[in-house]
Amino acid sequence: MRVKASLMAAAMLLAGCGGGEGGDQAEPLAKGQTVATVNGKDVTVHELNAELMGVNVPQGEQRKQVEQAALQSVLGRRILADIARERGIEKSPSYLMQQRRANEALLVEMLRSDIASRLAPPTRDEATVFMQQNPDLFAQRKIYTLDQIQFAMPADVAKLKRLEPLQTMEQVEQQLIQDRVEYRRGEGRLDSVGTNPDLLRQIARLPEGEIFIFPQGGTVIASRITSTQTVPFEGDPSIAYAMNLLQNQRMQQATERELKAKIEEARKTIKYQEGFAPPKAQQPATGAPKAAAGS
Protein backbone atom coordinates (compact mmCIF):
# COMPACT_ATOMS: atom_id res chain seq x y z
CA MET A 1 0.00 0.00 0.00
CA ARG A 2 1.34 3.43 -0.93
CA VAL A 3 0.34 6.44 1.14
CA LYS A 4 1.26 10.08 0.60
CA ALA A 5 4.57 10.63 2.35
CA SER A 6 3.29 13.84 3.88
CA LEU A 7 0.49 11.98 5.64
CA MET A 8 2.76 9.37 7.16
CA ALA A 9 5.37 11.97 8.11
CA ALA A 10 2.74 14.01 9.93
CA ALA A 11 1.54 10.92 11.77
CA MET A 12 5.09 10.21 12.94
CA LEU A 13 5.66 13.86 13.87
CA LEU A 14 2.63 13.92 16.13
CA ALA A 15 2.88 10.37 17.43
CA GLY A 16 4.11 11.59 20.80
CA CYS A 17 1.69 14.51 21.11
CA GLY A 18 -1.13 12.65 22.82
CA GLY A 19 -4.61 12.06 21.44
CA GLY A 20 -3.96 8.36 20.84
CA GLU A 21 -6.67 5.77 21.39
CA GLY A 22 -7.41 5.27 25.07
CA GLY A 23 -5.10 8.10 26.18
CA ASP A 24 -5.80 10.04 29.34
CA GLN A 25 -6.29 13.24 27.32
CA ALA A 26 -9.10 11.81 25.17
CA GLU A 27 -12.48 13.50 25.62
CA PRO A 28 -15.82 12.59 24.06
CA LEU A 29 -16.69 14.55 20.92
CA ALA A 30 -20.13 15.47 19.67
CA LYS A 31 -21.38 13.04 17.08
CA GLY A 32 -21.79 14.29 13.54
CA GLN A 33 -19.36 15.96 11.20
CA THR A 34 -16.59 16.69 13.73
CA VAL A 35 -13.82 14.07 13.82
CA ALA A 36 -11.43 15.87 16.20
CA THR A 37 -10.77 19.21 17.89
CA VAL A 38 -7.51 21.03 18.44
CA ASN A 39 -7.16 24.23 20.47
CA GLY A 40 -10.95 24.19 20.72
CA LYS A 41 -11.41 24.24 16.90
CA ASP A 42 -13.24 21.49 15.02
CA VAL A 43 -11.77 19.35 12.28
CA THR A 44 -14.68 18.06 10.20
CA VAL A 45 -15.12 14.93 8.12
CA HIS A 46 -15.23 17.19 5.05
CA GLU A 47 -11.73 18.49 5.83
CA LEU A 48 -10.54 14.91 6.31
CA ASN A 49 -12.03 13.89 2.96
CA ALA A 50 -10.35 16.87 1.28
CA GLU A 51 -7.01 15.74 2.75
CA LEU A 52 -7.57 12.31 1.20
CA MET A 53 -8.42 13.71 -2.22
CA GLY A 54 -6.14 12.13 -4.81
CA VAL A 55 -5.04 9.32 -2.46
CA ASN A 56 -5.81 5.74 -3.49
CA VAL A 57 -7.63 4.77 -0.27
CA PRO A 58 -7.90 1.00 0.36
CA GLN A 59 -10.81 -0.70 2.08
CA GLY A 60 -11.12 -2.38 5.47
CA GLU A 61 -8.64 -1.89 8.30
CA GLN A 62 -6.04 -0.32 5.97
CA ARG A 63 -8.54 2.42 5.10
CA LYS A 64 -8.83 3.35 8.77
CA GLN A 65 -5.02 3.59 9.01
CA VAL A 66 -4.86 5.94 6.03
CA GLU A 67 -7.70 8.08 7.44
CA GLN A 68 -5.94 8.30 10.80
CA ALA A 69 -2.67 9.33 9.14
CA ALA A 70 -4.55 11.96 7.11
CA LEU A 71 -6.22 13.29 10.26
CA GLN A 72 -2.82 13.61 11.96
CA SER A 73 -1.64 15.62 8.93
CA VAL A 74 -4.59 18.02 9.30
CA LEU A 75 -4.08 18.35 13.05
CA GLY A 76 -0.33 18.92 12.68
CA ARG A 77 -0.88 21.61 10.06
CA ARG A 78 -3.57 23.27 12.21
CA ILE A 79 -1.26 23.37 15.25
CA LEU A 80 1.61 24.91 13.27
CA ALA A 81 -0.73 27.40 11.60
CA ASP A 82 -2.00 28.52 15.01
CA ILE A 83 1.59 29.05 16.16
CA ALA A 84 2.23 31.12 13.02
CA ARG A 85 -0.82 33.26 13.81
CA GLU A 86 0.40 33.78 17.35
CA ARG A 87 3.54 35.30 15.83
CA GLY A 88 1.52 37.55 13.53
CA ILE A 89 2.84 35.92 10.36
CA GLU A 90 -0.59 36.02 8.71
CA LYS A 91 -0.40 39.84 8.72
CA SER A 92 2.97 40.04 6.95
CA PRO A 93 3.08 41.41 3.36
CA SER A 94 4.85 38.25 2.19
CA TYR A 95 2.07 36.01 3.54
CA LEU A 96 -0.69 38.19 2.11
CA MET A 97 0.88 38.15 -1.37
CA GLN A 98 1.34 34.37 -1.31
CA GLN A 99 -2.18 33.90 0.03
CA ARG A 100 -3.62 35.91 -2.86
CA ARG A 101 -1.56 33.90 -5.36
CA ALA A 102 -2.68 30.58 -3.84
CA ASN A 103 -6.33 31.69 -3.74
CA GLU A 104 -6.26 32.75 -7.38
CA ALA A 105 -4.62 29.48 -8.45
CA LEU A 106 -7.27 27.52 -6.55
CA LEU A 107 -10.08 29.56 -8.12
CA VAL A 108 -8.71 28.93 -11.61
CA GLU A 109 -8.43 25.19 -10.91
CA MET A 110 -12.00 25.08 -9.61
CA LEU A 111 -13.17 27.07 -12.65
CA ARG A 112 -11.64 24.39 -14.87
CA SER A 113 -13.33 21.69 -12.78
CA ASP A 114 -16.68 23.48 -13.04
CA ILE A 115 -16.42 23.63 -16.84
CA ALA A 116 -15.29 19.99 -17.02
CA SER A 117 -18.21 18.82 -14.86
CA ARG A 118 -20.68 19.94 -17.52
CA LEU A 119 -19.01 18.00 -20.35
CA ALA A 120 -20.05 14.51 -21.38
CA PRO A 121 -17.12 12.09 -20.96
CA PRO A 122 -15.67 10.60 -24.17
CA THR A 123 -16.77 7.10 -25.11
CA ARG A 124 -14.52 4.13 -25.86
CA ASP A 125 -15.49 4.35 -29.52
CA GLU A 126 -14.43 8.01 -29.64
CA ALA A 127 -11.17 7.09 -27.92
CA THR A 128 -10.54 4.36 -30.50
CA VAL A 129 -11.02 6.83 -33.36
CA PHE A 130 -8.70 9.30 -31.62
CA MET A 131 -6.04 6.58 -31.31
CA GLN A 132 -6.29 5.81 -35.03
CA GLN A 133 -5.89 9.52 -35.82
CA ASN A 134 -2.79 9.80 -33.60
CA PRO A 135 -0.68 6.70 -34.33
CA ASP A 136 2.53 8.33 -33.01
CA LEU A 137 1.04 8.20 -29.51
CA PHE A 138 -0.37 4.69 -29.75
CA ALA A 139 0.31 2.09 -32.50
CA GLN A 140 3.62 3.73 -33.46
CA ARG A 141 4.57 5.08 -30.04
CA LYS A 142 8.29 5.83 -29.81
CA ILE A 143 10.66 5.45 -26.88
CA TYR A 144 13.93 7.30 -27.37
CA THR A 145 17.17 6.52 -25.56
CA LEU A 146 19.13 9.72 -25.05
CA ASP A 147 22.60 10.89 -24.19
CA GLN A 148 21.82 13.84 -21.90
CA ILE A 149 23.56 16.69 -20.13
CA GLN A 150 21.54 18.48 -17.43
CA PHE A 151 22.41 21.74 -15.70
CA ALA A 152 20.67 24.51 -13.80
CA MET A 153 19.33 27.42 -15.85
CA PRO A 154 22.20 29.95 -15.85
CA ALA A 155 21.50 33.53 -14.79
CA ASP A 156 23.67 34.71 -17.69
CA VAL A 157 21.71 34.06 -20.91
CA ALA A 158 24.94 34.43 -22.92
CA LYS A 159 26.02 31.02 -21.60
CA LEU A 160 23.02 29.43 -23.32
CA LYS A 161 23.67 31.34 -26.55
CA ARG A 162 27.17 29.87 -26.71
CA LEU A 163 25.67 26.36 -26.84
CA GLU A 164 23.50 26.98 -29.92
CA PRO A 165 26.12 26.39 -32.66
CA LEU A 166 27.67 23.31 -31.03
CA GLN A 167 27.41 20.01 -32.90
CA THR A 168 28.42 17.34 -30.38
CA MET A 169 27.72 16.53 -26.74
CA GLU A 170 31.46 16.68 -26.07
CA GLN A 171 31.51 20.28 -27.32
CA VAL A 172 28.57 21.12 -25.01
CA GLU A 173 30.41 19.51 -22.12
CA GLN A 174 33.61 21.46 -22.82
CA GLN A 175 31.70 24.75 -23.12
CA LEU A 176 30.00 24.18 -19.77
CA ILE A 177 33.37 23.42 -18.17
CA GLN A 178 34.79 26.60 -19.70
CA ASP A 179 31.85 28.63 -18.37
CA ARG A 180 32.17 26.96 -14.96
CA VAL A 181 28.65 25.57 -15.10
CA GLU A 182 28.05 22.46 -13.01
CA TYR A 183 26.36 19.68 -14.97
CA ARG A 184 25.47 16.00 -14.93
CA ARG A 185 25.77 13.67 -17.94
CA GLY A 186 24.00 10.35 -18.29
CA GLU A 187 21.51 8.24 -20.21
CA GLY A 188 17.86 9.26 -20.36
CA ARG A 189 14.62 8.08 -21.92
CA LEU A 190 11.87 9.99 -23.66
CA ASP A 191 8.48 8.34 -24.14
CA SER A 192 6.20 9.87 -26.76
CA VAL A 193 3.30 9.06 -24.42
CA GLY A 194 3.06 11.97 -21.99
CA THR A 195 5.49 14.22 -23.88
CA ASN A 196 4.48 17.62 -25.23
CA PRO A 197 3.35 16.99 -28.85
CA ASP A 198 5.05 20.21 -30.04
CA LEU A 199 8.39 18.95 -28.70
CA LEU A 200 7.85 15.57 -30.37
CA ARG A 201 7.21 17.23 -33.74
CA GLN A 202 10.41 19.27 -33.40
CA ILE A 203 12.41 16.15 -32.50
CA ALA A 204 10.99 14.25 -35.48
CA ARG A 205 12.28 16.96 -37.85
CA LEU A 206 15.83 16.88 -36.50
CA PRO A 207 18.64 15.43 -38.65
CA GLU A 208 20.06 12.19 -37.27
CA GLY A 209 22.42 12.76 -34.34
CA GLU A 210 21.62 16.45 -33.92
CA ILE A 211 21.53 17.92 -30.42
CA PHE A 212 18.36 19.51 -29.08
CA ILE A 213 18.21 21.68 -25.97
CA PHE A 214 15.07 22.49 -23.97
CA PRO A 215 14.24 23.91 -20.54
CA GLN A 216 12.38 21.86 -17.93
CA GLY A 217 11.48 23.84 -14.84
CA GLY A 218 14.68 25.45 -13.60
CA THR A 219 16.83 22.95 -15.50
CA VAL A 220 18.23 22.92 -19.03
CA ILE A 221 18.63 19.56 -20.78
CA ALA A 222 20.86 18.99 -23.84
CA SER A 223 20.03 15.69 -25.55
CA ARG A 224 21.07 13.53 -28.47
CA ILE A 225 19.08 10.48 -29.58
CA THR A 226 21.19 7.31 -29.48
CA SER A 227 18.44 4.77 -30.31
CA THR A 228 14.70 4.61 -31.01
CA GLN A 229 12.24 1.83 -30.30
CA THR A 230 8.68 1.46 -31.53
CA VAL A 231 6.63 0.10 -28.62
CA PRO A 232 2.86 0.09 -29.31
CA PHE A 233 0.71 1.56 -26.55
CA GLU A 234 -2.29 -0.79 -26.35
CA GLY A 235 -5.04 -2.20 -24.14
CA ASP A 236 -7.13 -0.56 -21.45
CA PRO A 237 -4.39 1.87 -20.31
CA SER A 238 -4.17 3.30 -23.84
CA ILE A 239 -7.96 3.69 -24.03
CA ALA A 240 -7.98 5.51 -20.66
CA TYR A 241 -5.13 7.77 -21.81
CA ALA A 242 -6.93 8.59 -25.07
CA MET A 243 -10.16 9.37 -23.22
CA ASN A 244 -8.26 11.67 -20.87
CA LEU A 245 -6.64 13.55 -23.76
CA LEU A 246 -10.01 13.89 -25.49
CA GLN A 247 -11.60 15.20 -22.30
CA ASN A 248 -8.81 17.77 -21.90
CA GLN A 249 -9.23 18.89 -25.51
CA ARG A 250 -12.96 19.31 -25.08
CA MET A 251 -12.50 21.21 -21.83
CA GLN A 252 -10.06 23.59 -23.51
CA GLN A 253 -12.50 24.16 -26.37
CA ALA A 254 -15.38 24.70 -23.92
CA THR A 255 -13.22 27.10 -21.91
CA GLU A 256 -12.44 29.13 -25.03
CA ARG A 257 -16.11 29.29 -26.00
CA GLU A 258 -17.34 30.19 -22.54
CA LEU A 259 -14.64 32.58 -21.36
CA LYS A 260 -13.02 34.10 -24.43
CA ALA A 261 -15.30 37.15 -24.65
CA LYS A 262 -15.00 37.91 -20.92
CA ILE A 263 -11.21 37.55 -20.97
CA GLU A 264 -10.80 39.75 -24.04
CA GLU A 265 -13.02 42.39 -22.46
CA ALA A 266 -10.99 42.30 -19.24
CA ARG A 267 -7.71 42.55 -21.16
CA LYS A 268 -8.87 45.82 -22.68
CA THR A 269 -8.82 47.33 -19.18
CA ILE A 270 -5.16 46.43 -18.53
CA LYS A 271 -2.82 49.40 -18.16
CA TYR A 272 0.94 48.85 -17.93
CA GLN A 273 3.52 51.04 -16.30
CA GLU A 274 6.26 51.99 -18.75
CA GLY A 275 8.61 49.11 -19.42
CA PHE A 276 6.32 46.34 -18.16
CA ALA A 277 4.14 45.67 -21.22
CA PRO A 278 5.10 42.53 -23.16
CA PRO A 279 5.96 42.79 -26.88
CA LYS A 280 2.74 42.74 -28.91
CA ALA A 281 3.68 39.44 -30.55
CA GLN A 282 3.89 37.80 -27.10
CA GLN A 283 0.64 39.11 -25.67
CA PRO A 284 -1.76 36.19 -25.09
CA ALA A 285 -4.94 36.14 -27.15
CA THR A 286 -7.24 35.04 -24.34
CA GLY A 287 -5.36 33.68 -21.36
CA ALA A 288 -8.01 31.01 -20.83
CA PRO A 289 -6.98 28.39 -18.26
CA LYS A 290 -5.40 25.52 -20.17
CA ALA A 291 -5.73 21.82 -19.43
CA ALA A 292 -2.57 19.85 -18.81
CA ALA A 293 -1.95 17.11 -21.39
CA GLY A 294 -1.85 14.31 -18.90
CA SER A 295 -4.11 15.60 -16.13
Foldseek 3Di string as FASTA:
>chain_A
DDAPPLLQVLCVVCVPVDPDPPDPPDDDDDDDQFPDDDPRHTDGPVNLVVLCPPPPADDDPSNVVRSVSSVSSVRSVVVVVVVCVVVVVCVDPVNVVVVVVVVVVVVLVVVLVVLLVPDDFDDLVVLVVLCVVCVCQAVQKKKFKKWKKKFFADPDCVLVVVCVVDFAPVVNVVSCVVVVTDIDIDIDMDTPHQDDVVVVVVVVPDDAQGWDWDDDVRMIMIIHTPDMDGDGHDDDVSSVLSSLQVSQVVSVVSQCVPCQVVQQVVVVPDDDDPPPDDPPVPDDNRPGDHDRRRD
